PDB file of N, CA and C in Angstrom:
ATOM      1  N   MET A   1      82.377 130.602  95.348  1.00  0.00           N
ATOM      2  CA  MET A   1      82.914 129.291  95.130  1.00  0.00           C
ATOM      3  C   MET A   1      82.555 128.384  96.320  1.00  0.00           C
ATOM      4  N   ALA A   2      82.035 127.220  96.055  1.00  0.00           N
ATOM      5  CA  ALA A   2      81.642 126.278  97.095  1.00  0.00           C
ATOM      6  C   ALA A   2      82.869 125.593  97.685  1.00  0.00           C
ATOM      7  N   GLU A   3      82.767 125.233  98.954  1.00  0.00           N
ATOM      8  CA  GLU A   3      83.854 124.517  99.603  1.00  0.00           C
ATOM      9  C   GLU A   3      83.842 123.061  99.174  1.00  0.00           C
ATOM     10  N   SER A   4      85.010 122.471  99.160  1.00  0.00           N
ATOM     11  CA  SER A   4      85.107 121.041  98.889  1.00  0.00           C
ATOM     12  C   SER A   4      86.158 120.451  99.819  1.00  0.00           C
ATOM     13  N   TYR A   5      86.046 119.174 100.072  1.00  0.00           N
ATOM     14  CA  TYR A   5      86.932 118.484 100.985  1.00  0.00           C
ATOM     15  C   TYR A   5      87.442 117.220 100.307  1.00  0.00           C
ATOM     16  N   SER A   6      88.666 116.849 100.600  1.00  0.00           N
ATOM     17  CA  SER A   6      89.210 115.628 100.010  1.00  0.00           C
ATOM     18  C   SER A   6      90.247 115.040 100.949  1.00  0.00           C
ATOM     19  N   THR A   7      90.488 113.776 100.752  1.00  0.00           N
ATOM     20  CA  THR A   7      91.536 113.087 101.484  1.00  0.00           C
ATOM     21  C   THR A   7      92.092 111.982 100.600  1.00  0.00           C
ATOM     22  N   ILE A   8      93.292 111.562 100.925  1.00  0.00           N
ATOM     23  CA  ILE A   8      93.933 110.483 100.172  1.00  0.00           C
ATOM     24  C   ILE A   8      94.256 109.355 101.143  1.00  0.00           C
ATOM     25  N   LEU A   9      93.826 108.162 100.770  1.00  0.00           N
ATOM     26  CA  LEU A   9      94.140 106.949 101.518  1.00  0.00           C
ATOM     27  C   LEU A   9      95.198 106.194 100.730  1.00  0.00           C
ATOM     28  N   GLU A  10      96.164 105.636 101.413  1.00  0.00           N
ATOM     29  CA  GLU A  10      97.203 104.882 100.724  1.00  0.00           C
ATOM     30  C   GLU A  10      97.375 103.538 101.400  1.00  0.00           C
ATOM     31  N   TRP A  11      97.391 102.486 100.586  1.00  0.00           N
ATOM     32  CA  TRP A  11      97.599 101.122 101.056  1.00  0.00           C
ATOM     33  C   TRP A  11      98.847 100.584 100.392  1.00  0.00           C
ATOM     34  N   ASN A  12      99.669  99.848 101.130  1.00  0.00           N
ATOM     35  CA  ASN A  12     100.870  99.202 100.595  1.00  0.00           C
ATOM     36  C   ASN A  12     100.839  97.735 100.967  1.00  0.00           C
ATOM     37  N   GLY A  13     101.224  96.887 100.023  1.00  0.00           N
ATOM     38  CA  GLY A  13     101.262  95.464 100.316  1.00  0.00           C
ATOM     39  C   GLY A  13     101.603  94.651  99.088  1.00  0.00           C
ATOM     40  N   SER A  14     101.164  93.396  99.105  1.00  0.00           N
ATOM     41  CA  SER A  14     101.485  92.486  98.013  1.00  0.00           C
ATOM     42  C   SER A  14     100.744  92.862  96.733  1.00  0.00           C
ATOM     43  N   VAL A  15     101.324  92.488  95.627  1.00  0.00           N
ATOM     44  CA  VAL A  15     100.719  92.780  94.322  1.00  0.00           C
ATOM     45  C   VAL A  15      99.381  92.064  94.190  1.00  0.00           C
ATOM     46  N   GLU A  16      99.308  90.825  94.657  1.00  0.00           N
ATOM     47  CA  GLU A  16      98.066  90.049  94.554  1.00  0.00           C
ATOM     48  C   GLU A  16      96.907  90.746  95.263  1.00  0.00           C
ATOM     49  N   VAL A  17      97.123  91.142  96.507  1.00  0.00           N
ATOM     50  CA  VAL A  17      96.074  91.819  97.268  1.00  0.00           C
ATOM     51  C   VAL A  17      95.806  93.201  96.668  1.00  0.00           C
ATOM     52  N   GLY A  18      96.845  93.901  96.261  1.00  0.00           N
ATOM     53  CA  GLY A  18      96.670  95.221  95.653  1.00  0.00           C
ATOM     54  C   GLY A  18      95.782  95.177  94.426  1.00  0.00           C
ATOM     55  N   ARG A  19      95.986  94.191  93.574  1.00  0.00           N
ATOM     56  CA  ARG A  19      95.139  94.063  92.377  1.00  0.00           C
ATOM     57  C   ARG A  19      93.702  93.761  92.754  1.00  0.00           C
ATOM     58  N   ARG A  20      93.524  92.917  93.760  1.00  0.00           N
ATOM     59  CA  ARG A  20      92.166  92.589  94.214  1.00  0.00           C
ATOM     60  C   ARG A  20      91.474  93.838  94.760  1.00  0.00           C
ATOM     61  N   LEU A  21      92.193  94.629  95.551  1.00  0.00           N
ATOM     62  CA  LEU A  21      91.612  95.862  96.093  1.00  0.00           C
ATOM     63  C   LEU A  21      91.329  96.882  94.997  1.00  0.00           C
ATOM     64  N   ALA A  22      92.218  96.968  94.025  1.00  0.00           N
ATOM     65  CA  ALA A  22      92.043  97.940  92.937  1.00  0.00           C
ATOM     66  C   ALA A  22      90.834  97.602  92.071  1.00  0.00           C
ATOM     67  N   ASP A  23      90.441  96.329  92.033  1.00  0.00           N
ATOM     68  CA  ASP A  23      89.296  95.905  91.219  1.00  0.00           C
ATOM     69  C   ASP A  23      87.948  96.221  91.858  1.00  0.00           C
ATOM     70  N   ILE A  24      87.951  96.613  93.128  1.00  0.00           N
ATOM     71  CA  ILE A  24      86.698  96.932  93.816  1.00  0.00           C
ATOM     72  C   ILE A  24      86.162  98.255  93.274  1.00  0.00           C
ATOM     73  N   ALA A  25      84.885  98.270  92.944  1.00  0.00           N
ATOM     74  CA  ALA A  25      84.248  99.499  92.452  1.00  0.00           C
ATOM     75  C   ALA A  25      84.004 100.434  93.635  1.00  0.00           C
ATOM     76  N   LEU A  26      84.751 101.518  93.694  1.00  0.00           N
ATOM     77  CA  LEU A  26      84.637 102.483  94.779  1.00  0.00           C
ATOM     78  C   LEU A  26      83.833 103.686  94.301  1.00  0.00           C
ATOM     79  N   VAL A  27      82.598 103.785  94.724  1.00  0.00           N
ATOM     80  CA  VAL A  27      81.732 104.893  94.331  1.00  0.00           C
ATOM     81  C   VAL A  27      82.203 106.164  95.025  1.00  0.00           C
ATOM     82  N   GLY A  28      82.384 107.218  94.264  1.00  0.00           N
ATOM     83  CA  GLY A  28      82.796 108.495  94.829  1.00  0.00           C
ATOM     84  C   GLY A  28      84.276 108.607  95.124  1.00  0.00           C
ATOM     85  N   ALA A  29      85.065 107.683  94.582  1.00  0.00           N
ATOM     86  CA  ALA A  29      86.504 107.716  94.830  1.00  0.00           C
ATOM     87  C   ALA A  29      87.253 107.344  93.559  1.00  0.00           C
ATOM     88  N   ASP A  30      88.418 107.925  93.393  1.00  0.00           N
ATOM     89  CA  ASP A  30      89.309 107.585  92.283  1.00  0.00           C
ATOM     90  C   ASP A  30      90.490 106.828  92.873  1.00  0.00           C
ATOM     91  N   SER A  31      90.940 105.797  92.159  1.00  0.00           N
ATOM     92  CA  SER A  31      92.062 105.036  92.689  1.00  0.00           C
ATOM     93  C   SER A  31      93.097 104.759  91.609  1.00  0.00           C
ATOM     94  N   GLU A  32      94.314 104.527  92.079  1.00  0.00           N
ATOM     95  CA  GLU A  32      95.427 104.212  91.179  1.00  0.00           C
ATOM     96  C   GLU A  32      96.305 103.172  91.865  1.00  0.00           C
ATOM     97  N   LEU A  33      96.618 102.105  91.131  1.00  0.00           N
ATOM     98  CA  LEU A  33      97.502 101.065  91.635  1.00  0.00           C
ATOM     99  C   LEU A  33      98.842 101.194  90.931  1.00  0.00           C
ATOM    100  N   VAL A  34      99.913 101.272  91.722  1.00  0.00           N
ATOM    101  CA  VAL A  34     101.270 101.334  91.187  1.00  0.00           C
ATOM    102  C   VAL A  34     102.015 100.118  91.726  1.00  0.00           C
ATOM    103  N   VAL A  35     102.628  99.357  90.808  1.00  0.00           N
ATOM    104  CA  VAL A  35     103.393  98.179  91.186  1.00  0.00           C
ATOM    105  C   VAL A  35     104.855  98.416  90.833  1.00  0.00           C
ATOM    106  N   ILE A  36     105.713  98.296  91.841  1.00  0.00           N
ATOM    107  CA  ILE A  36     107.159  98.416  91.649  1.00  0.00           C
ATOM    108  C   ILE A  36     107.789  97.181  92.275  1.00  0.00           C
ATOM    109  N   ASP A  37     108.488  96.433  91.418  1.00  0.00           N
ATOM    110  CA  ASP A  37     109.058  95.153  91.837  1.00  0.00           C
ATOM    111  C   ASP A  37     107.934  94.265  92.361  1.00  0.00           C
ATOM    112  N   ASN A  38     108.003  93.842  93.606  1.00  0.00           N
ATOM    113  CA  ASN A  38     106.973  92.975  94.178  1.00  0.00           C
ATOM    114  C   ASN A  38     106.111  93.711  95.186  1.00  0.00           C
ATOM    115  N   GLN A  39     106.078  95.034  95.122  1.00  0.00           N
ATOM    116  CA  GLN A  39     105.348  95.855  96.083  1.00  0.00           C
ATOM    117  C   GLN A  39     104.287  96.671  95.361  1.00  0.00           C
ATOM    118  N   ALA A  40     103.058  96.659  95.885  1.00  0.00           N
ATOM    119  CA  ALA A  40     101.960  97.422  95.302  1.00  0.00           C
ATOM    120  C   ALA A  40     101.586  98.570  96.237  1.00  0.00           C
ATOM    121  N   THR A  41     101.250  99.709  95.630  1.00  0.00           N
ATOM    122  CA  THR A  41     100.722 100.851  96.374  1.00  0.00           C
ATOM    123  C   THR A  41      99.415 101.265  95.723  1.00  0.00           C
ATOM    124  N   LEU A  42      98.350 101.244  96.506  1.00  0.00           N
ATOM    125  CA  LEU A  42      97.035 101.672  96.034  1.00  0.00           C
ATOM    126  C   LEU A  42      96.739 103.017  96.670  1.00  0.00           C
ATOM    127  N   THR A  43      96.535 104.018  95.839  1.00  0.00           N
ATOM    128  CA  THR A  43      96.217 105.358  96.305  1.00  0.00           C
ATOM    129  C   THR A  43      94.765 105.656  95.942  1.00  0.00           C
ATOM    130  N   ILE A  44      93.990 106.079  96.931  1.00  0.00           N
ATOM    131  CA  ILE A  44      92.569 106.338  96.744  1.00  0.00           C
ATOM    132  C   ILE A  44      92.283 107.771  97.164  1.00  0.00           C
ATOM    133  N   ARG A  45      91.686 108.538  96.262  1.00  0.00           N
ATOM    134  CA  ARG A  45      91.310 109.918  96.569  1.00  0.00           C
ATOM    135  C   ARG A  45      89.791 109.985  96.713  1.00  0.00           C
ATOM    136  N   VAL A  46      89.354 110.545  97.827  1.00  0.00           N
ATOM    137  CA  VAL A  46      87.929 110.685  98.110  1.00  0.00           C
ATOM    138  C   VAL A  46      87.614 112.174  98.195  1.00  0.00           C
ATOM    139  N   ASP A  47      86.608 112.623  97.456  1.00  0.00           N
ATOM    140  CA  ASP A  47      86.174 114.021  97.460  1.00  0.00           C
ATOM    141  C   ASP A  47      84.729 114.105  97.945  1.00  0.00           C
ATOM    142  N   ALA A  48      84.408 115.205  98.638  1.00  0.00           N
ATOM    143  CA  ALA A  48      83.038 115.406  99.113  1.00  0.00           C
ATOM    144  C   ALA A  48      82.773 116.895  99.280  1.00  0.00           C
ATOM    145  N   GLU A  49      81.491 117.224  99.437  1.00  0.00           N
ATOM    146  CA  GLU A  49      81.081 118.626  99.567  1.00  0.00           C
ATOM    147  C   GLU A  49      81.022 119.096 101.015  1.00  0.00           C
ATOM    148  N   SER A  50      81.141 118.155 101.971  1.00  0.00           N
ATOM    149  CA  SER A  50      81.156 118.523 103.390  1.00  0.00           C
ATOM    150  C   SER A  50      82.034 117.546 104.144  1.00  0.00           C
ATOM    151  N   LEU A  51      82.462 117.951 105.329  1.00  0.00           N
ATOM    152  CA  LEU A  51      83.285 117.064 106.148  1.00  0.00           C
ATOM    153  C   LEU A  51      82.505 115.826 106.572  1.00  0.00           C
ATOM    154  N   GLU A  52      81.237 115.991 106.866  1.00  0.00           N
ATOM    155  CA  GLU A  52      80.411 114.848 107.265  1.00  0.00           C
ATOM    156  C   GLU A  52      80.294 113.837 106.123  1.00  0.00           C
ATOM    157  N   LEU A  53      80.060 114.343 104.918  1.00  0.00           N
ATOM    158  CA  LEU A  53      79.962 113.452 103.762  1.00  0.00           C
ATOM    159  C   LEU A  53      81.308 112.799 103.461  1.00  0.00           C
ATOM    160  N   LEU A  54      82.393 113.530 103.637  1.00  0.00           N
ATOM    161  CA  LEU A  54      83.724 112.968 103.433  1.00  0.00           C
ATOM    162  C   LEU A  54      83.967 111.812 104.407  1.00  0.00           C
ATOM    163  N   ARG A  55      83.610 112.009 105.664  1.00  0.00           N
ATOM    164  CA  ARG A  55      83.772 110.949 106.664  1.00  0.00           C
ATOM    165  C   ARG A  55      82.952 109.719 106.285  1.00  0.00           C
ATOM    166  N   GLU A  56      81.721 109.933 105.850  1.00  0.00           N
ATOM    167  CA  GLU A  56      80.871 108.812 105.453  1.00  0.00           C
ATOM    168  C   GLU A  56      81.466 108.058 104.262  1.00  0.00           C
ATOM    169  N   CYS A  57      81.986 108.790 103.291  1.00  0.00           N
ATOM    170  CA  CYS A  57      82.587 108.163 102.108  1.00  0.00           C
ATOM    171  C   CYS A  57      83.842 107.383 102.481  1.00  0.00           C
ATOM    172  N   VAL A  58      84.694 107.963 103.319  1.00  0.00           N
ATOM    173  CA  VAL A  58      85.914 107.282 103.751  1.00  0.00           C
ATOM    174  C   VAL A  58      85.554 106.024 104.538  1.00  0.00           C
ATOM    175  N   ASP A  59      84.571 106.116 105.419  1.00  0.00           N
ATOM    176  CA  ASP A  59      84.135 104.939 106.176  1.00  0.00           C
ATOM    177  C   ASP A  59      83.666 103.831 105.238  1.00  0.00           C
ATOM    178  N   ALA A  60      82.915 104.200 104.202  1.00  0.00           N
ATOM    179  CA  ALA A  60      82.408 103.216 103.244  1.00  0.00           C
ATOM    180  C   ALA A  60      83.551 102.567 102.468  1.00  0.00           C
ATOM    181  N   VAL A  61      84.521 103.371 102.045  1.00  0.00           N
ATOM    182  CA  VAL A  61      85.680 102.841 101.311  1.00  0.00           C
ATOM    183  C   VAL A  61      86.461 101.882 102.199  1.00  0.00           C
ATOM    184  N   LEU A  62      86.728 102.275 103.438  1.00  0.00           N
ATOM    185  CA  LEU A  62      87.483 101.416 104.347  1.00  0.00           C
ATOM    186  C   LEU A  62      86.742 100.116 104.648  1.00  0.00           C
ATOM    187  N   ALA A  63      85.425 100.189 104.778  1.00  0.00           N
ATOM    188  CA  ALA A  63      84.642  98.976 105.020  1.00  0.00           C
ATOM    189  C   ALA A  63      84.739  98.020 103.836  1.00  0.00           C
ATOM    190  N   LEU A  64      84.638  98.548 102.622  1.00  0.00           N
ATOM    191  CA  LEU A  64      84.758  97.710 101.429  1.00  0.00           C
ATOM    192  C   LEU A  64      86.138  97.081 101.337  1.00  0.00           C
ATOM    193  N   LEU A  65      87.166  97.867 101.558  1.00  0.00           N
ATOM    194  CA  LEU A  65      88.525  97.363 101.459  1.00  0.00           C
ATOM    195  C   LEU A  65      88.829  96.314 102.538  1.00  0.00           C
ATOM    196  N   SER A  66      88.319  96.525 103.730  1.00  0.00           N
ATOM    197  CA  SER A  66      88.613  95.586 104.821  1.00  0.00           C
ATOM    198  C   SER A  66      88.002  94.211 104.563  1.00  0.00           C
ATOM    199  N   ASP A  67      86.924  94.163 103.792  1.00  0.00           N
ATOM    200  CA  ASP A  67      86.322  92.878 103.436  1.00  0.00           C
ATOM    201  C   ASP A  67      87.194  92.068 102.491  1.00  0.00           C
ATOM    202  N   HIS A  68      88.134  92.718 101.791  1.00  0.00           N
ATOM    203  CA  HIS A  68      88.928  92.062 100.772  1.00  0.00           C
ATOM    204  C   HIS A  68      90.432  92.054 101.054  1.00  0.00           C
ATOM    205  N   ASP A  69      90.847  92.618 102.157  1.00  0.00           N
ATOM    206  CA  ASP A  69      92.275  92.732 102.493  1.00  0.00           C
ATOM    207  C   ASP A  69      92.730  91.544 103.324  1.00  0.00           C
ATOM    208  N   SER A  70      92.977  90.432 102.644  1.00  0.00           N
ATOM    209  CA  SER A  70      93.516  89.266 103.347  1.00  0.00           C
ATOM    210  C   SER A  70      94.166  88.316 102.381  1.00  0.00           C
TER     211      SER A  70
END
């Protein structure tokens, strides 16, 4: 059985920003937006076949999100 690596990123904030972040196409990641009252939580799961690839994928996801988190 091959090794696999994963991590979960979680963002919390306004519903408006959460929806904008959830609309970003994240290659190699699955995401879910949950809205409760006026609070949004975006959960992003990133999977990879090596730790190096996982780091690269997480860096790419964070870079994309940081461009839209305002």
